[in-house]
C-alpha atoms as a PDB file:
ATOM      1  CA  MET A   1      22.966  -4.194 -15.978  1.00  0.00           C
ATOM      2  CA  PRO A   2      22.871  -7.908 -16.625  1.00  0.00           C
ATOM      3  CA  ASP A   3      23.941  -8.406 -12.911  1.00  0.00           C
ATOM      4  CA  ARG A   4      20.660  -6.854 -11.833  1.00  0.00           C
ATOM      5  CA  ALA A   5      18.558  -8.827 -14.220  1.00  0.00           C
ATOM      6  CA  GLY A   6      15.059  -9.892 -12.415  1.00  0.00           C
ATOM      7  CA  TYR A   7      15.545  -6.847  -9.700  1.00  0.00           C
ATOM      8  CA  GLN A   8      12.148  -5.192  -9.274  1.00  0.00           C
ATOM      9  CA  VAL A   9      11.454  -1.894  -7.376  1.00  0.00           C
ATOM     10  CA  SER A  10       7.862  -1.034  -6.359  1.00  0.00           C
ATOM     11  CA  VAL A  11       6.947   2.394  -5.824  1.00  0.00           C
ATOM     12  CA  TYR A  12       3.577   3.644  -4.301  1.00  0.00           C
ATOM     13  CA  ALA A  13       2.647   7.161  -4.067  1.00  0.00           C
ATOM     14  CA  ILE A  14       0.117   7.901  -1.231  1.00  0.00           C
ATOM     15  CA  ASP A  15      -2.113  10.988  -1.239  1.00  0.00           C
ATOM     16  CA  VAL A  16      -2.240  12.127   2.546  1.00  0.00           C
ATOM     17  CA  SER A  17      -4.160  15.249   1.870  1.00  0.00           C
ATOM     18  CA  ALA A  18      -7.221  16.160   4.270  1.00  0.00           C
ATOM     19  CA  SER A  19      -9.653  14.341   1.913  1.00  0.00           C
ATOM     20  CA  MET A  20      -8.045  11.193   2.584  1.00  0.00           C
ATOM     21  CA  GLY A  21      -9.098  11.616   6.304  1.00  0.00           C
ATOM     22  CA  GLU A  22     -12.835  10.901   5.113  1.00  0.00           C
ATOM     23  CA  VAL A  23     -14.489   7.863   6.592  1.00  0.00           C
ATOM     24  CA  ILE A  24     -15.982   5.533   4.235  1.00  0.00           C
ATOM     25  CA  ASP A  25     -17.549   1.989   4.131  1.00  0.00           C
ATOM     26  CA  ASP A  26     -15.401  -0.860   3.267  1.00  0.00           C
ATOM     27  CA  PRO A  27     -15.242  -0.548  -0.418  1.00  0.00           C
ATOM     28  CA  THR A  28     -14.791  -4.333  -1.349  1.00  0.00           C
ATOM     29  CA  GLY A  29     -18.166  -5.081   0.469  1.00  0.00           C
ATOM     30  CA  VAL A  30     -16.918  -8.478   1.635  1.00  0.00           C
ATOM     31  CA  THR A  31     -17.245  -7.994   5.220  1.00  0.00           C
ATOM     32  CA  SER A  32     -20.623  -9.022   6.699  1.00  0.00           C
ATOM     33  CA  PHE A  33     -20.640  -6.213   9.302  1.00  0.00           C
ATOM     34  CA  THR A  34     -20.044  -2.410   8.335  1.00  0.00           C
ATOM     35  CA  SER A  35     -16.579  -1.555   8.670  1.00  0.00           C
ATOM     36  CA  LYS A  36     -15.656   2.279   8.555  1.00  0.00           C
ATOM     37  CA  LYS A  37     -12.423   3.246   8.165  1.00  0.00           C
ATOM     38  CA  THR A  38     -10.519   6.468   6.614  1.00  0.00           C
ATOM     39  CA  LYS A  39      -9.401   6.385   2.992  1.00  0.00           C
ATOM     40  CA  LEU A  40      -5.957   6.745   4.224  1.00  0.00           C
ATOM     41  CA  ASP A  41      -6.313   3.475   6.314  1.00  0.00           C
ATOM     42  CA  TYR A  42      -7.590   1.648   3.470  1.00  0.00           C
ATOM     43  CA  VAL A  43      -4.613   2.665   1.318  1.00  0.00           C
ATOM     44  CA  LYS A  44      -2.075   1.734   4.078  1.00  0.00           C
ATOM     45  CA  GLU A  45      -3.588  -1.590   4.323  1.00  0.00           C
ATOM     46  CA  PHE A  46      -3.390  -2.168   0.678  1.00  0.00           C
ATOM     47  CA  VAL A  47       0.179  -1.205   0.547  1.00  0.00           C
ATOM     48  CA  ALA A  48       1.358  -3.202   3.298  1.00  0.00           C
ATOM     49  CA  ARG A  49      -0.472  -6.286   1.846  1.00  0.00           C
ATOM     50  CA  LYS A  50       1.259  -5.677  -1.500  1.00  0.00           C
ATOM     51  CA  CYS A  51       4.557  -5.203   0.212  1.00  0.00           C
ATOM     52  CA  GLU A  52       4.437  -8.017   2.915  1.00  0.00           C
ATOM     53  CA  PRO A  53       4.716 -11.157   0.399  1.00  0.00           C
ATOM     54  CA  LYS A  54       7.676  -9.562  -1.421  1.00  0.00           C
ATOM     55  CA  VAL A  55       9.674  -8.799   1.906  1.00  0.00           C
ATOM     56  CA  CYS A  56       8.652 -12.057   3.412  1.00  0.00           C
ATOM     57  CA  ALA A  57       9.534 -14.484   0.155  1.00  0.00           C
ATOM     58  CA  SER A  58      13.227 -13.707   0.457  1.00  0.00           C
ATOM     59  CA  TYR A  59      16.334 -13.281   2.399  1.00  0.00           C
ATOM     60  CA  THR A  60      17.227 -10.408   0.247  1.00  0.00           C
ATOM     61  CA  PHE A  61      14.635  -7.228   0.681  1.00  0.00           C
ATOM     62  CA  PRO A  62      13.318  -5.923  -2.589  1.00  0.00           C
ATOM     63  CA  SER A  63      13.307  -2.184  -2.773  1.00  0.00           C
ATOM     64  CA  VAL A  64       9.951  -0.641  -1.850  1.00  0.00           C
ATOM     65  CA  GLN A  65       9.560   3.032  -2.045  1.00  0.00           C
ATOM     66  CA  LEU A  66       6.773   5.075  -0.393  1.00  0.00           C
ATOM     67  CA  ILE A  67       6.063   8.709  -1.699  1.00  0.00           C
ATOM     68  CA  LYS A  68       3.840  11.055   0.426  1.00  0.00           C
ATOM     69  CA  ILE A  69       1.796  13.414  -1.620  1.00  0.00           C
ATOM     70  CA  ASP A  70       0.150  16.348   0.103  1.00  0.00           C
ATOM     71  CA  HIS A  71      -1.539  18.979  -1.881  1.00  0.00           C
END
């Protein structure tokens, strides 16, 4: 597939089980105030921050796959 050289696919598997609804403090400790969000909120923010530069950097959209895992 030489015509597909440099093509990138990003796959993110996200656990959406009940345990991801647990509220936790900011795991980075960067904020000066206590920020409490669910684990799932932190994961969604992480994935969004990883995908945004890829989508905004080009006119042709890269392939980003999201997989929901509920066990």
